[in-house]
Amino acid sequence: APGVVRTDMTESMPVHRQRTDWTDPAQVVELALA
């Protein structure tokens, strides 16, 4: 589960319109590599 990474898809979703806390994509990559 990547959390909520700021992407075209998530930015287009009303549920995330006011979001300010985004998952750093580097954290997703680090976990995937592990």
All heavy atoms as atom14 arrays in JSON, in Angstrom:
{
  "sequence": "APGVVRTDMTESMPVHRQRTDWTDPAQVVELALA",
  "atom14_mask": [
    [1, 1, 1, 1, 1, 0, 0, 0, 0, 0, 0, 0, 0, 0],
    [1, 1, 1, 1, 1, 1, 1, 0, 0, 0, 0, 0, 0, 0],
    [1, 1, 1, 1, 0, 0, 0, 0, 0, 0, 0, 0, 0, 0],
    [1, 1, 1, 1, 1, 1, 1, 0, 0, 0, 0, 0, 0, 0],
    [1, 1, 1, 1, 1, 1, 1, 0, 0, 0, 0, 0, 0, 0],
    [1, 1, 1, 1, 1, 1, 1, 1, 1, 1, 1, 0, 0, 0],
    [1, 1, 1, 1, 1, 1, 1, 0, 0, 0, 0, 0, 0, 0],
    [1, 1, 1, 1, 1, 1, 1, 1, 0, 0, 0, 0, 0, 0],
    [1, 1, 1, 1, 1, 1, 1, 1, 0, 0, 0, 0, 0, 0],
    [1, 1, 1, 1, 1, 1, 1, 0, 0, 0, 0, 0, 0, 0],
    [1, 1, 1, 1, 1, 1, 1, 1, 1, 0, 0, 0, 0, 0],
    [1, 1, 1, 1, 1, 1, 0, 0, 0, 0, 0, 0, 0, 0],
    [1, 1, 1, 1, 1, 1, 1, 1, 0, 0, 0, 0, 0, 0],
    [1, 1, 1, 1, 1, 1, 1, 0, 0, 0, 0, 0, 0, 0],
    [1, 1, 1, 1, 1, 1, 1, 0, 0, 0, 0, 0, 0, 0],
    [1, 1, 1, 1, 1, 1, 1, 1, 1, 1, 0, 0, 0, 0],
    [1, 1, 1, 1, 1, 1, 1, 1, 1, 1, 1, 0, 0, 0],
    [1, 1, 1, 1, 1, 1, 1, 1, 1, 0, 0, 0, 0, 0],
    [1, 1, 1, 1, 1, 1, 1, 1, 1, 1, 1, 0, 0, 0],
    [1, 1, 1, 1, 1, 1, 1, 0, 0, 0, 0, 0, 0, 0],
    [1, 1, 1, 1, 1, 1, 1, 1, 0, 0, 0, 0, 0, 0],
    [1, 1, 1, 1, 1, 1, 1, 1, 1, 1, 1, 1, 1, 1],
    [1, 1, 1, 1, 1, 1, 1, 0, 0, 0, 0, 0, 0, 0],
    [1, 1, 1, 1, 1, 1, 1, 1, 0, 0, 0, 0, 0, 0],
    [1, 1, 1, 1, 1, 1, 1, 0, 0, 0, 0, 0, 0, 0],
    [1, 1, 1, 1, 1, 0, 0, 0, 0, 0, 0, 0, 0, 0],
    [1, 1, 1, 1, 1, 1, 1, 1, 1, 0, 0, 0, 0, 0],
    [1, 1, 1, 1, 1, 1, 1, 0, 0, 0, 0, 0, 0, 0],
    [1, 1, 1, 1, 1, 1, 1, 0, 0, 0, 0, 0, 0, 0],
    [1, 1, 1, 1, 1, 1, 1, 1, 1, 0, 0, 0, 0, 0],
    [1, 1, 1, 1, 1, 1, 1, 1, 0, 0, 0, 0, 0, 0],
    [1, 1, 1, 1, 1, 0, 0, 0, 0, 0, 0, 0, 0, 0],
    [1, 1, 1, 1, 1, 1, 1, 1, 0, 0, 0, 0, 0, 0],
    [1, 1, 1, 1, 1, 0, 0, 0, 0, 0, 0, 0, 0, 0]
  ],
  "atom14_positions": [
    [[0.86, -1.18, 0.0], [0.0, 0.0, 0.0], [0.9, 1.23, 0.0], [1.7, 1.41, 0.92], [-0.91, -0.01, 1.22], [0.0, 0.0, 0.0], [0.0, 0.0, 0.0], [0.0, 0.0, 0.0], [0.0, 0.0, 0.0], [0.0, 0.0, 0.0], [0.0, 0.0, 0.0], [0.0, 0.0, 0.0], [0.0, 0.0, 0.0], [0.0, 0.0, 0.0]],
    [[0.79, 2.08, -1.02], [1.72, 3.2, -1.12], [1.33, 4.43, -0.32], [2.02, 5.45, -0.38], [1.69, 3.52, -2.63], [0.31, 3.17, -3.04], [-0.07, 1.97, -2.2], [0.0, 0.0, 0.0], [0.0, 0.0, 0.0], [0.0, 0.0, 0.0], [0.0, 0.0, 0.0], [0.0, 0.0, 0.0], [0.0, 0.0, 0.0], [0.0, 0.0, 0.0]],
    [[0.23, 4.35, 0.45], [-0.27, 5.58, 1.06], [-0.88, 6.45, -0.03], [-1.39, 5.93, -1.02], [0.0, 0.0, 0.0], [0.0, 0.0, 0.0], [0.0, 0.0, 0.0], [0.0, 0.0, 0.0], [0.0, 0.0, 0.0], [0.0, 0.0, 0.0], [0.0, 0.0, 0.0], [0.0, 0.0, 0.0], [0.0, 0.0, 0.0], [0.0, 0.0, 0.0]],
    [[-0.83, 7.75, 0.14], [-1.39, 8.65, -0.87], [-0.24, 9.47, -1.45], [0.23, 10.44, -0.85], [-2.47, 9.57, -0.29], [-3.1, 10.4, -1.42], [-3.55, 8.75, 0.42], [0.0, 0.0, 0.0], [0.0, 0.0, 0.0], [0.0, 0.0, 0.0], [0.0, 0.0, 0.0], [0.0, 0.0, 0.0], [0.0, 0.0, 0.0], [0.0, 0.0, 0.0]],
    [[0.22, 9.04, -2.61], [1.29, 9.74, -3.33], [0.64, 10.77, -4.24], [-0.4, 10.52, -4.85], [2.13, 8.75, -4.14], [3.17, 9.47, -4.99], [2.81, 7.75, -3.21], [0.0, 0.0, 0.0], [0.0, 0.0, 0.0], [0.0, 0.0, 0.0], [0.0, 0.0, 0.0], [0.0, 0.0, 0.0], [0.0, 0.0, 0.0], [0.0, 0.0, 0.0]],
    [[1.25, 11.91, -4.36], [0.71, 12.98, -5.21], [0.94, 12.63, -6.68], [2.05, 12.67, -7.18], [1.37, 14.31, -4.87], [0.65, 15.52, -5.43], [1.18, 16.8, -4.82], [0.29, 17.91, -5.05], [0.29, 19.03, -4.35], [1.15, 19.17, -3.34], [-0.56, 20.0, -4.62], [0.0, 0.0, 0.0], [0.0, 0.0, 0.0], [0.0, 0.0, 0.0]],
    [[-0.14, 12.25, -7.36], [-0.09, 11.89, -8.77], [-1.26, 12.54, -9.49], [-2.15, 13.13, -8.87], [-0.19, 10.36, -8.96], [-1.49, 9.93, -8.53], [0.87, 9.62, -8.16], [0.0, 0.0, 0.0], [0.0, 0.0, 0.0], [0.0, 0.0, 0.0], [0.0, 0.0, 0.0], [0.0, 0.0, 0.0], [0.0, 0.0, 0.0], [0.0, 0.0, 0.0]],
    [[-1.27, 12.42, -10.81], [-2.4, 12.95, -11.58], [-3.71, 12.33, -11.1], [-4.73, 13.01, -11.01], [-2.21, 12.68, -13.08], [-1.07, 13.48, -13.68], [-0.66, 14.47, -13.05], [-0.6, 13.11, -14.78], [0.0, 0.0, 0.0], [0.0, 0.0, 0.0], [0.0, 0.0, 0.0], [0.0, 0.0, 0.0], [0.0, 0.0, 0.0], [0.0, 0.0, 0.0]],
    [[-3.68, 11.03, -10.8], [-4.89, 10.35, -10.39], [-5.39, 10.85, -9.04], [-6.56, 11.19, -8.88], [-4.68, 8.83, -10.34], [-5.95, 8.04, -10.03], [-5.73, 6.24, -10.0], [-5.07, 6.01, -8.35], [0.0, 0.0, 0.0], [0.0, 0.0, 0.0], [0.0, 0.0, 0.0], [0.0, 0.0, 0.0], [0.0, 0.0, 0.0], [0.0, 0.0, 0.0]],
    [[-4.49, 10.89, -8.04], [-4.93, 11.3, -6.71], [-5.34, 12.76, -6.67], [-6.28, 13.14, -5.96], [-3.85, 11.03, -5.66], [-2.62, 11.65, -6.06], [-3.6, 9.54, -5.49], [0.0, 0.0, 0.0], [0.0, 0.0, 0.0], [0.0, 0.0, 0.0], [0.0, 0.0, 0.0], [0.0, 0.0, 0.0], [0.0, 0.0, 0.0], [0.0, 0.0, 0.0]],
    [[-4.66, 13.6, -7.45], [-5.02, 15.02, -7.46], [-6.38, 15.25, -8.11], [-7.02, 16.28, -7.86], [-3.95, 15.84, -8.18], [-2.67, 16.0, -7.36], [-1.74, 17.04, -7.95], [-1.53, 17.01, -9.18], [-1.23, 17.88, -7.19], [0.0, 0.0, 0.0], [0.0, 0.0, 0.0], [0.0, 0.0, 0.0], [0.0, 0.0, 0.0], [0.0, 0.0, 0.0]],
    [[-6.82, 14.32, -8.95], [-8.13, 14.46, -9.6], [-9.28, 13.96, -8.74], [-10.44, 14.15, -9.08], [-8.13, 13.69, -10.93], [-8.15, 12.29, -10.7], [0.0, 0.0, 0.0], [0.0, 0.0, 0.0], [0.0, 0.0, 0.0], [0.0, 0.0, 0.0], [0.0, 0.0, 0.0], [0.0, 0.0, 0.0], [0.0, 0.0, 0.0], [0.0, 0.0, 0.0]],
    [[-8.96, 13.33, -7.61], [-9.99, 12.73, -6.76], [-10.49, 13.74, -5.73], [-9.69, 14.29, -4.96], [-9.42, 11.49, -6.06], [-9.01, 10.39, -7.01], [-8.07, 9.07, -6.2], [-9.31, 8.4, -5.06], [0.0, 0.0, 0.0], [0.0, 0.0, 0.0], [0.0, 0.0, 0.0], [0.0, 0.0, 0.0], [0.0, 0.0, 0.0], [0.0, 0.0, 0.0]],
    [[-11.8, 14.0, -5.7], [-12.35, 14.95, -4.72], [-11.95, 14.66, -3.28], [-11.73, 15.58, -2.49], [-13.86, 14.81, -4.93], [-14.01, 14.4, -6.36], [-12.84, 13.49, -6.62], [0.0, 0.0, 0.0], [0.0, 0.0, 0.0], [0.0, 0.0, 0.0], [0.0, 0.0, 0.0], [0.0, 0.0, 0.0], [0.0, 0.0, 0.0], [0.0, 0.0, 0.0]],
    [[-11.83, 13.37, -2.93], [-11.51, 13.02, -1.55], [-10.15, 13.56, -1.12], [-9.89, 13.78, 0.07], [-11.57, 11.49, -1.36], [-10.41, 10.79, -2.09], [-11.59, 11.12, 0.11], [0.0, 0.0, 0.0], [0.0, 0.0, 0.0], [0.0, 0.0, 0.0], [0.0, 0.0, 0.0], [0.0, 0.0, 0.0], [0.0, 0.0, 0.0], [0.0, 0.0, 0.0]],
    [[-9.27, 13.82, -2.08], [-7.92, 14.31, -1.75], [-7.74, 15.79, -2.07], [-6.62, 16.3, -2.01], [-6.87, 13.51, -2.52], [-6.85, 12.06, -2.19], [-6.8, 11.59, -0.91], [-6.89, 10.95, -3.0], [-6.81, 10.26, -0.91], [-6.86, 9.85, -2.17], [0.0, 0.0, 0.0], [0.0, 0.0, 0.0], [0.0, 0.0, 0.0], [0.0, 0.0, 0.0]],
    [[-8.83, 16.5, -2.38], [-8.72, 17.88, -2.86], [-8.06, 18.8, -1.84], [-7.31, 19.7, -2.2], [-10.11, 18.39, -3.24], [-10.09, 19.63, -4.11], [-11.37, 19.75, -4.89], [-11.44, 18.79, -5.99], [-12.59, 18.38, -6.56], [-13.74, 18.83, -6.11], [-12.56, 17.52, -7.56], [0.0, 0.0, 0.0], [0.0, 0.0, 0.0], [0.0, 0.0, 0.0]],
    [[-8.32, 18.58, -0.57], [-7.76, 19.45, 0.48], [-6.54, 18.82, 1.17], [-6.06, 19.34, 2.16], [-8.85, 19.76, 1.52], [-10.12, 20.39, 0.97], [-9.85, 21.68, 0.22], [-9.05, 22.52, 0.67], [-10.51, 21.86, -0.91], [0.0, 0.0, 0.0], [0.0, 0.0, 0.0], [0.0, 0.0, 0.0], [0.0, 0.0, 0.0], [0.0, 0.0, 0.0]],
    [[-6.05, 17.73, 0.64], [-4.95, 17.02, 1.3], [-3.65, 17.82, 1.24], [-3.31, 18.41, 0.22], [-4.74, 15.66, 0.65], [-3.59, 14.85, 1.26], [-3.47, 13.48, 0.64], [-4.59, 12.64, 1.03], [-4.64, 11.95, 2.16], [-3.63, 12.01, 3.03], [-5.69, 11.2, 2.44], [0.0, 0.0, 0.0], [0.0, 0.0, 0.0], [0.0, 0.0, 0.0]],
    [[-2.95, 17.82, 2.35], [-1.62, 18.45, 2.4], [-0.53, 17.46, 2.79], [0.65, 17.74, 2.59], [-1.62, 19.61, 3.41], [-2.0, 19.11, 4.7], [-2.59, 20.71, 2.98], [0.0, 0.0, 0.0], [0.0, 0.0, 0.0], [0.0, 0.0, 0.0], [0.0, 0.0, 0.0], [0.0, 0.0, 0.0], [0.0, 0.0, 0.0], [0.0, 0.0, 0.0]],
    [[-0.92, 16.31, 3.37], [0.07, 15.3, 3.77], [0.1, 14.18, 2.73], [-0.82, 13.39, 2.64], [-0.25, 14.74, 5.16], [-1.65, 14.15, 5.25], [-2.57, 14.73, 4.64], [-1.82, 13.1, 5.9], [0.0, 0.0, 0.0], [0.0, 0.0, 0.0], [0.0, 0.0, 0.0], [0.0, 0.0, 0.0], [0.0, 0.0, 0.0], [0.0, 0.0, 0.0]],
    [[1.15, 14.15, 1.96], [1.31, 13.17, 0.89], [2.47, 12.23, 1.23], [3.44, 12.62, 1.87], [1.62, 13.86, -0.44], [0.57, 14.83, -0.89], [0.5, 16.16, -0.6], [-0.57, 14.53, -1.7], [-0.61, 16.72, -1.18], [-1.28, 15.75, -1.87], [-1.06, 13.38, -2.31], [-2.45, 15.82, -2.63], [-2.22, 13.46, -3.06], [-2.91, 14.66, -3.21]],
    [[2.36, 10.98, 0.78], [3.45, 10.03, 0.95], [4.57, 10.36, -0.03], [4.32, 10.57, -1.23], [2.98, 8.59, 0.7], [1.88, 8.3, 1.55], [4.11, 7.6, 0.99], [0.0, 0.0, 0.0], [0.0, 0.0, 0.0], [0.0, 0.0, 0.0], [0.0, 0.0, 0.0], [0.0, 0.0, 0.0], [0.0, 0.0, 0.0], [0.0, 0.0, 0.0]],
    [[5.78, 10.41, 0.46], [6.94, 10.65, -0.4], [7.14, 9.42, -1.29], [7.28, 8.31, -0.78], [8.17, 10.88, 0.48], [9.42, 11.24, -0.32], [9.43, 11.04, -1.55], [10.38, 11.71, 0.31], [0.0, 0.0, 0.0], [0.0, 0.0, 0.0], [0.0, 0.0, 0.0], [0.0, 0.0, 0.0], [0.0, 0.0, 0.0], [0.0, 0.0, 0.0]],
    [[7.15, 9.61, -2.61], [7.35, 8.44, -3.49], [8.65, 7.7, -3.22], [8.74, 6.49, -3.49], [7.31, 9.03, -4.9], [7.49, 10.5, -4.73], [6.94, 10.83, -3.39], [0.0, 0.0, 0.0], [0.0, 0.0, 0.0], [0.0, 0.0, 0.0], [0.0, 0.0, 0.0], [0.0, 0.0, 0.0], [0.0, 0.0, 0.0], [0.0, 0.0, 0.0]],
    [[9.65, 8.38, -2.68], [10.91, 7.7, -2.35], [10.68, 6.61, -1.31], [11.38, 5.59, -1.29], [11.93, 8.71, -1.85], [0.0, 0.0, 0.0], [0.0, 0.0, 0.0], [0.0, 0.0, 0.0], [0.0, 0.0, 0.0], [0.0, 0.0, 0.0], [0.0, 0.0, 0.0], [0.0, 0.0, 0.0], [0.0, 0.0, 0.0], [0.0, 0.0, 0.0]],
    [[9.7, 6.82, -0.43], [9.39, 5.8, 0.59], [8.76, 4.56, -0.05], [9.0, 3.44, 0.4], [8.45, 6.39, 1.64], [9.07, 7.51, 2.46], [8.06, 8.15, 3.4], [7.01, 8.64, 2.99], [8.39, 8.14, 4.69], [0.0, 0.0, 0.0], [0.0, 0.0, 0.0], [0.0, 0.0, 0.0], [0.0, 0.0, 0.0], [0.0, 0.0, 0.0]],
    [[7.97, 4.77, -1.09], [7.36, 3.64, -1.82], [8.46, 2.84, -2.52], [8.49, 1.6, -2.46], [6.32, 4.13, -2.84], [5.65, 2.95, -3.53], [5.28, 5.01, -2.17], [0.0, 0.0, 0.0], [0.0, 0.0, 0.0], [0.0, 0.0, 0.0], [0.0, 0.0, 0.0], [0.0, 0.0, 0.0], [0.0, 0.0, 0.0], [0.0, 0.0, 0.0]],
    [[9.36, 3.55, -3.17], [10.45, 2.89, -3.89], [11.34, 2.12, -2.92], [11.72, 0.97, -3.17], [11.29, 3.93, -4.68], [12.53, 3.27, -5.27], [10.44, 4.58, -5.77], [0.0, 0.0, 0.0], [0.0, 0.0, 0.0], [0.0, 0.0, 0.0], [0.0, 0.0, 0.0], [0.0, 0.0, 0.0], [0.0, 0.0, 0.0], [0.0, 0.0, 0.0]],
    [[11.68, 2.73, -1.79], [12.53, 2.07, -0.79], [11.9, 0.76, -0.33], [12.58, -0.27, -0.23], [12.75, 2.99, 0.4], [13.59, 2.37, 1.52], [13.66, 3.22, 2.77], [12.65, 3.86, 3.11], [14.72, 3.22, 3.42], [0.0, 0.0, 0.0], [0.0, 0.0, 0.0], [0.0, 0.0, 0.0], [0.0, 0.0, 0.0], [0.0, 0.0, 0.0]],
    [[10.59, 0.79, -0.07], [9.92, -0.4, 0.42], [9.82, -1.46, -0.68], [10.02, -2.66, -0.42], [8.52, -0.03, 0.93], [7.95, -0.83, 2.1], [8.95, -0.98, 3.23], [6.66, -0.18, 2.59], [0.0, 0.0, 0.0], [0.0, 0.0, 0.0], [0.0, 0.0, 0.0], [0.0, 0.0, 0.0], [0.0, 0.0, 0.0], [0.0, 0.0, 0.0]],
    [[9.55, -1.04, -1.89], [9.46, -1.98, -3.01], [10.79, -2.68, -3.25], [10.84, -3.9, -3.48], [9.0, -1.26, -4.28], [0.0, 0.0, 0.0], [0.0, 0.0, 0.0], [0.0, 0.0, 0.0], [0.0, 0.0, 0.0], [0.0, 0.0, 0.0], [0.0, 0.0, 0.0], [0.0, 0.0, 0.0], [0.0, 0.0, 0.0], [0.0, 0.0, 0.0]],
    [[11.88, -1.94, -3.18], [13.2, -2.54, -3.38], [13.53, -3.53, -2.26], [14.14, -4.58, -2.52], [14.26, -1.45, -3.45], [14.25, -0.59, -4.71], [15.22, 0.58, -4.57], [14.62, -1.42, -5.94], [0.0, 0.0, 0.0], [0.0, 0.0, 0.0], [0.0, 0.0, 0.0], [0.0, 0.0, 0.0], [0.0, 0.0, 0.0], [0.0, 0.0, 0.0]],
    [[13.12, -3.22, -1.04], [13.36, -4.15, 0.07], [12.55, -5.43, -0.09], [13.02, -6.52, 0.22], [13.03, -3.47, 1.4], [0.0, 0.0, 0.0], [0.0, 0.0, 0.0], [0.0, 0.0, 0.0], [0.0, 0.0, 0.0], [0.0, 0.0, 0.0], [0.0, 0.0, 0.0], [0.0, 0.0, 0.0], [0.0, 0.0, 0.0], [0.0, 0.0, 0.0]]
  ]
}
